Amino acid sequence: MRSSTFFRSATLFAIIAVAFAANICAYTSRDCIGSCGCCTNTAEGSCCYWPSNSSYGWSVRFSNMPSTPYWLGLTYGDFCWTQTSGAGSSSGSVCSSVYPAPNRINWVSANWDADYRTRRSVDVRGDDCVVPDTIGFTNEDGKEHLVKVPEGKFEDIANLIETLNFEALLKFERAK
């Protein structure tokens, strides 16, 4: 009887662990402020990529993370291949910024691992990466907005933010 209860509990715990899906947001400035592009509900190990020619990636916020001290958010200078930074927090959210040096460039991708103690090797190439599905920005009257990005339109919407075309941006479906 005890082993049956144990296996049911272990199965339930495994299902809950798999259900964790993080939000990875890349910002246009350090300290996770400014406009952001976010990959929402990102499964463990999945790569979130934003084009390297964009101004995103000066800081990256990992949120909706497991509330354990063991998860690790990883940032990269390429397609989730060469790790350049890592951050973790038991609060389930953390901001990691590019080191403020004149020769540093912004990160171009990120993913996460639910248990850094296992040091899983993540080998994700660009073909397997997803681009942000939401973009956040503050318009001219100081209001913050988060809009959904139609598939394949991240760069187009990012350009609307850079050109301050808030009228066009506000026509997109709002994200919750």
Protein backbone atom coordinates (compact mmCIF):
# COMPACT_ATOMS: atom_id res chain seq x y z
CA MET A 1 0.00 0.00 0.00
CA ARG A 2 2.81 2.42 0.88
CA SER A 3 4.64 1.90 -2.41
CA SER A 4 1.44 2.63 -4.33
CA THR A 5 1.07 5.95 -2.51
CA PHE A 6 4.73 6.72 -3.08
CA PHE A 7 4.47 6.09 -6.84
CA ARG A 8 1.31 8.20 -7.12
CA SER A 9 3.06 11.04 -5.26
CA ALA A 10 6.18 10.70 -7.41
CA THR A 11 4.08 10.71 -10.58
CA LEU A 12 2.18 13.81 -9.45
CA PHE A 13 5.44 15.60 -8.60
CA ALA A 14 6.86 14.71 -12.04
CA ILE A 15 3.77 16.07 -13.78
CA ILE A 16 3.97 19.33 -11.80
CA ALA A 17 7.70 19.69 -12.55
CA VAL A 18 7.07 19.26 -16.28
CA ALA A 19 4.30 21.86 -16.13
CA PHE A 20 6.75 24.65 -15.25
CA ALA A 21 6.99 27.08 -18.10
CA ALA A 22 9.02 30.24 -17.70
CA ASN A 23 8.81 33.67 -19.22
CA ILE A 24 12.07 34.93 -20.73
CA CYS A 25 12.14 38.64 -21.56
CA ALA A 26 14.99 40.47 -23.33
CA TYR A 27 15.21 44.22 -22.70
CA THR A 28 16.60 47.15 -24.69
CA SER A 29 18.59 48.39 -21.66
CA ARG A 30 20.30 47.09 -18.55
CA ASP A 31 18.41 46.40 -15.31
CA CYS A 32 15.34 45.01 -17.13
CA ILE A 33 13.79 48.37 -17.95
CA GLY A 34 12.64 49.75 -21.28
CA SER A 35 11.06 47.85 -24.13
CA CYS A 36 11.13 44.07 -23.97
CA GLY A 37 10.51 41.07 -26.17
CA CYS A 38 9.24 38.01 -24.27
CA CYS A 39 8.99 34.31 -24.97
CA THR A 40 6.12 33.29 -22.71
CA ASN A 41 5.50 29.81 -21.34
CA THR A 42 8.95 28.63 -22.41
CA ALA A 43 9.57 24.98 -21.58
CA GLU A 44 12.77 23.99 -19.80
CA GLY A 45 15.68 23.83 -22.25
CA SER A 46 13.77 25.60 -25.05
CA CYS A 47 15.71 28.45 -26.59
CA CYS A 48 14.31 31.99 -26.81
CA TYR A 49 16.09 33.95 -29.56
CA TRP A 50 15.83 37.59 -30.58
CA PRO A 51 17.66 38.83 -33.69
CA SER A 52 21.21 39.97 -32.96
CA ASN A 53 20.73 43.06 -35.10
CA SER A 54 18.03 44.26 -32.70
CA SER A 55 18.63 46.37 -29.61
CA TYR A 56 17.23 43.65 -27.32
CA GLY A 57 19.33 41.57 -24.93
CA TRP A 58 21.09 44.16 -22.76
CA SER A 59 19.32 42.49 -19.87
CA VAL A 60 17.16 39.39 -19.55
CA ARG A 61 14.44 38.68 -16.98
CA PHE A 62 13.55 35.12 -16.12
CA SER A 63 10.15 35.00 -14.42
CA ASN A 64 7.45 32.49 -13.53
CA MET A 65 10.30 30.18 -12.53
CA PRO A 66 10.08 27.30 -10.05
CA SER A 67 10.20 28.63 -6.48
CA THR A 68 13.23 26.54 -5.60
CA PRO A 69 16.85 27.60 -5.19
CA TYR A 70 17.94 25.25 -7.98
CA TRP A 71 16.72 26.67 -11.29
CA LEU A 72 19.19 28.44 -13.55
CA GLY A 73 18.52 30.95 -16.32
CA LEU A 74 21.17 30.94 -19.04
CA THR A 75 22.00 33.69 -21.54
CA TYR A 76 24.04 33.32 -24.72
CA GLY A 77 25.86 35.37 -27.33
CA ASP A 78 24.52 33.05 -30.05
CA PHE A 79 21.79 30.42 -30.58
CA CYS A 80 21.79 28.89 -27.07
CA TRP A 81 25.17 27.35 -27.71
CA THR A 82 27.96 29.34 -26.01
CA GLN A 83 26.86 30.32 -22.52
CA THR A 84 27.85 33.80 -21.42
CA SER A 85 25.87 34.23 -18.20
CA GLY A 86 23.69 32.44 -15.69
CA ALA A 87 21.37 33.57 -12.90
CA GLY A 88 19.01 31.95 -10.41
CA SER A 89 16.80 32.96 -7.52
CA SER A 90 14.51 31.21 -5.08
CA SER A 91 11.89 33.93 -5.60
CA GLY A 92 11.03 32.68 -9.09
CA SER A 93 12.21 35.83 -10.88
CA VAL A 94 15.58 37.43 -11.61
CA CYS A 95 17.07 40.07 -13.90
CA SER A 96 20.52 39.55 -15.40
CA SER A 97 22.28 42.41 -17.20
CA VAL A 98 25.21 42.46 -19.60
CA TYR A 99 28.34 43.53 -17.75
CA PRO A 100 28.71 47.31 -18.22
CA ALA A 101 31.96 47.44 -20.18
CA PRO A 102 32.55 49.28 -23.45
CA ASN A 103 33.42 46.12 -25.39
CA ARG A 104 30.41 44.06 -24.28
CA ILE A 105 27.65 43.25 -26.73
CA ASN A 106 24.09 42.27 -25.96
CA TRP A 107 22.95 38.67 -25.56
CA VAL A 108 20.93 37.12 -28.38
CA SER A 109 19.25 34.13 -26.72
CA ALA A 110 18.38 32.45 -23.43
CA ASN A 111 16.96 29.28 -21.93
CA TRP A 112 16.60 27.77 -18.48
CA ASP A 113 17.19 24.61 -16.50
CA ALA A 114 14.95 23.58 -13.60
CA ASP A 115 17.80 22.00 -11.63
CA TYR A 116 21.31 23.37 -12.21
CA ARG A 117 22.73 20.68 -9.93
CA THR A 118 22.42 18.18 -12.80
CA ARG A 119 24.29 20.50 -15.19
CA ARG A 120 22.40 19.26 -18.21
CA SER A 121 24.16 20.07 -21.43
CA VAL A 122 21.84 22.15 -23.59
CA ASP A 123 22.60 21.85 -27.28
CA VAL A 124 20.05 23.96 -29.08
CA ARG A 125 20.71 25.28 -32.56
CA GLY A 126 19.03 28.29 -34.14
CA ASP A 127 16.48 26.18 -36.01
CA ASP A 128 14.98 25.05 -32.70
CA CYS A 129 14.75 28.50 -31.13
CA VAL A 130 11.56 30.50 -30.78
CA VAL A 131 11.33 34.26 -31.07
CA PRO A 132 9.42 36.45 -28.61
CA ASP A 133 5.65 36.12 -28.81
CA THR A 134 4.97 39.38 -26.94
CA ILE A 135 6.56 42.83 -26.91
CA GLY A 136 6.31 45.36 -24.12
CA PHE A 137 6.75 49.09 -24.51
CA THR A 138 5.86 52.41 -22.91
CA ASN A 139 4.11 54.91 -25.18
CA GLU A 140 4.47 58.69 -25.18
CA ASP A 141 1.96 59.19 -22.34
CA GLY A 142 3.92 56.85 -20.05
CA LYS A 143 1.53 53.89 -20.16
CA GLU A 144 3.03 50.42 -20.35
CA HIS A 145 1.65 48.04 -22.96
CA LEU A 146 2.23 44.39 -23.80
CA VAL A 147 1.07 43.20 -27.22
CA LYS A 148 1.05 39.80 -28.87
CA VAL A 149 3.46 39.29 -31.74
CA PRO A 150 1.99 37.48 -34.75
CA GLU A 151 4.21 34.60 -35.89
CA GLY A 152 7.17 35.83 -37.93
CA LYS A 153 6.54 39.51 -37.14
CA PHE A 154 8.90 40.15 -34.20
CA GLU A 155 11.37 42.26 -36.20
CA ASP A 156 8.54 44.27 -37.82
CA ILE A 157 7.00 45.11 -34.44
CA ALA A 158 10.41 45.84 -32.91
CA ASN A 159 10.96 48.35 -35.75
CA LEU A 160 7.63 50.02 -34.90
CA ILE A 161 8.91 50.51 -31.34
CA GLU A 162 12.24 51.93 -32.56
CA THR A 163 10.41 54.41 -34.80
CA LEU A 164 7.98 55.23 -31.96
CA ASN A 165 4.97 54.29 -34.11
CA PHE A 166 2.68 53.77 -31.11
CA GLU A 167 -0.50 54.17 -33.16
CA ALA A 168 0.38 51.08 -35.22
CA LEU A 169 1.58 49.17 -32.14
CA LEU A 170 -1.66 49.70 -30.28
CA LYS A 171 -3.59 48.00 -33.11
CA PHE A 172 -2.08 44.64 -32.17
CA GLU A 173 -3.89 42.32 -29.78
CA ARG A 174 -3.00 43.02 -26.17
CA ALA A 175 -1.32 40.28 -24.17
CA LYS A 176 -2.54 39.49 -20.68
